[in-house]
Amino acid sequence: MADDIDIANDLIANEVSRALSRYRQNAGQSATGAKFCEECGDEIPTGRRQMGFNHCVPCAQETERKRSLFAD
């Protein structure tokens, strides 16, 4: 059975991998931001992209919900 440190290391490795994938995917895009949501891949509305957001509204809400649940 894995201990807490092994689980944390796996989570960190997965997040780094996902971040690198998103970076490579968004590497040649215009200054208006990513056209597709980093989480689900749905298209982000133009106005939201122009404000610099990289997530659609539902994914942004879910991310904020998770942050509030796991905040210290």
C-alpha atoms as a PDB file:
ATOM      1  CA  MET A   1       0.000   0.000   0.000  1.00  0.00           C
ATOM      2  CA  ALA A   2       1.320   3.426  -0.940  1.00  0.00           C
ATOM      3  CA  ASP A   3       1.994   5.926   1.784  1.00  0.00           C
ATOM      4  CA  ASP A   4       1.064   9.610   1.735  1.00  0.00           C
ATOM      5  CA  ILE A   5       4.400  10.697   0.276  1.00  0.00           C
ATOM      6  CA  ASP A   6       4.100   8.285  -2.661  1.00  0.00           C
ATOM      7  CA  ILE A   7       0.574   9.518  -3.358  1.00  0.00           C
ATOM      8  CA  ALA A   8       1.697  13.154  -3.189  1.00  0.00           C
ATOM      9  CA  ASN A   9       4.609  12.469  -5.546  1.00  0.00           C
ATOM     10  CA  ASP A  10       2.268  10.787  -8.030  1.00  0.00           C
ATOM     11  CA  LEU A  11      -0.127  13.739  -7.895  1.00  0.00           C
ATOM     12  CA  ILE A  12       2.702  16.211  -8.447  1.00  0.00           C
ATOM     13  CA  ALA A  13       4.087  14.216 -11.371  1.00  0.00           C
ATOM     14  CA  ASN A  14       0.621  14.078 -12.968  1.00  0.00           C
ATOM     15  CA  GLU A  15       0.070  17.813 -12.532  1.00  0.00           C
ATOM     16  CA  VAL A  16       3.481  18.662 -14.002  1.00  0.00           C
ATOM     17  CA  SER A  17       2.774  16.395 -16.961  1.00  0.00           C
ATOM     18  CA  ARG A  18      -0.633  17.995 -17.548  1.00  0.00           C
ATOM     19  CA  ALA A  19       0.820  21.501 -17.254  1.00  0.00           C
ATOM     20  CA  LEU A  20       3.529  20.722 -19.796  1.00  0.00           C
ATOM     21  CA  SER A  21       0.955  19.263 -22.180  1.00  0.00           C
ATOM     22  CA  ARG A  22      -1.229  22.360 -21.876  1.00  0.00           C
ATOM     23  CA  TYR A  23       1.805  24.616 -22.373  1.00  0.00           C
ATOM     24  CA  ARG A  24       2.857  22.776 -25.518  1.00  0.00           C
ATOM     25  CA  GLN A  25      -0.720  22.757 -26.799  1.00  0.00           C
ATOM     26  CA  ASN A  26      -1.146  26.511 -26.265  1.00  0.00           C
ATOM     27  CA  ALA A  27       2.366  27.457 -27.355  1.00  0.00           C
ATOM     28  CA  GLY A  28       1.581  29.192 -30.646  1.00  0.00           C
ATOM     29  CA  GLN A  29      -1.729  30.798 -29.794  1.00  0.00           C
ATOM     30  CA  SER A  30      -2.568  34.453 -30.070  1.00  0.00           C
ATOM     31  CA  ALA A  31      -2.535  36.960 -27.223  1.00  0.00           C
ATOM     32  CA  THR A  32      -6.290  36.543 -26.780  1.00  0.00           C
ATOM     33  CA  GLY A  33      -5.666  33.349 -24.842  1.00  0.00           C
ATOM     34  CA  ALA A  34      -6.435  29.698 -25.328  1.00  0.00           C
ATOM     35  CA  LYS A  35      -9.363  28.949 -27.583  1.00  0.00           C
ATOM     36  CA  PHE A  36     -10.259  25.744 -25.751  1.00  0.00           C
ATOM     37  CA  CYS A  37     -10.676  25.006 -22.055  1.00  0.00           C
ATOM     38  CA  GLU A  38      -7.618  23.448 -20.432  1.00  0.00           C
ATOM     39  CA  GLU A  39      -9.765  21.012 -18.450  1.00  0.00           C
ATOM     40  CA  CYS A  40     -12.567  19.780 -20.716  1.00  0.00           C
ATOM     41  CA  GLY A  41     -11.524  20.968 -24.181  1.00  0.00           C
ATOM     42  CA  ASP A  42     -14.744  22.901 -24.856  1.00  0.00           C
ATOM     43  CA  GLU A  43     -14.427  26.207 -26.687  1.00  0.00           C
ATOM     44  CA  ILE A  44     -14.049  29.278 -24.458  1.00  0.00           C
ATOM     45  CA  PRO A  45     -16.260  32.244 -25.461  1.00  0.00           C
ATOM     46  CA  THR A  46     -14.351  35.098 -27.125  1.00  0.00           C
ATOM     47  CA  GLY A  47     -15.072  37.631 -24.384  1.00  0.00           C
ATOM     48  CA  ARG A  48     -13.793  35.273 -21.721  1.00  0.00           C
ATOM     49  CA  ARG A  49     -10.633  34.531 -23.756  1.00  0.00           C
ATOM     50  CA  GLN A  50      -9.963  38.245 -24.198  1.00  0.00           C
ATOM     51  CA  MET A  51      -9.989  38.648 -20.428  1.00  0.00           C
ATOM     52  CA  GLY A  52      -7.234  36.022 -20.237  1.00  0.00           C
ATOM     53  CA  PHE A  53      -9.178  33.037 -18.898  1.00  0.00           C
ATOM     54  CA  ASN A  54      -8.080  29.524 -19.861  1.00  0.00           C
ATOM     55  CA  HIS A  55     -11.115  27.668 -18.521  1.00  0.00           C
ATOM     56  CA  CYS A  56     -14.773  27.633 -19.507  1.00  0.00           C
ATOM     57  CA  VAL A  57     -17.224  28.838 -16.853  1.00  0.00           C
ATOM     58  CA  PRO A  58     -18.264  25.371 -15.572  1.00  0.00           C
ATOM     59  CA  CYS A  59     -14.636  24.221 -15.198  1.00  0.00           C
ATOM     60  CA  ALA A  60     -13.642  27.498 -13.512  1.00  0.00           C
ATOM     61  CA  GLN A  61     -16.513  27.093 -11.048  1.00  0.00           C
ATOM     62  CA  GLU A  62     -15.488  23.499 -10.310  1.00  0.00           C
ATOM     63  CA  THR A  63     -11.863  24.537  -9.781  1.00  0.00           C
ATOM     64  CA  GLU A  64     -12.923  27.241  -7.324  1.00  0.00           C
ATOM     65  CA  ARG A  65     -15.205  24.784  -5.515  1.00  0.00           C
ATOM     66  CA  LYS A  66     -12.337  22.307  -5.122  1.00  0.00           C
ATOM     67  CA  ARG A  67      -9.991  25.035  -3.890  1.00  0.00           C
ATOM     68  CA  SER A  68     -12.494  26.105  -1.253  1.00  0.00           C
ATOM     69  CA  LEU A  69     -12.986  22.510  -0.092  1.00  0.00           C
ATOM     70  CA  PHE A  70      -9.272  21.847   0.300  1.00  0.00           C
ATOM     71  CA  ALA A  71      -8.173  25.243   1.605  1.00  0.00           C
ATOM     72  CA  ASP A  72      -6.416  25.251   4.946  1.00  0.00           C
END
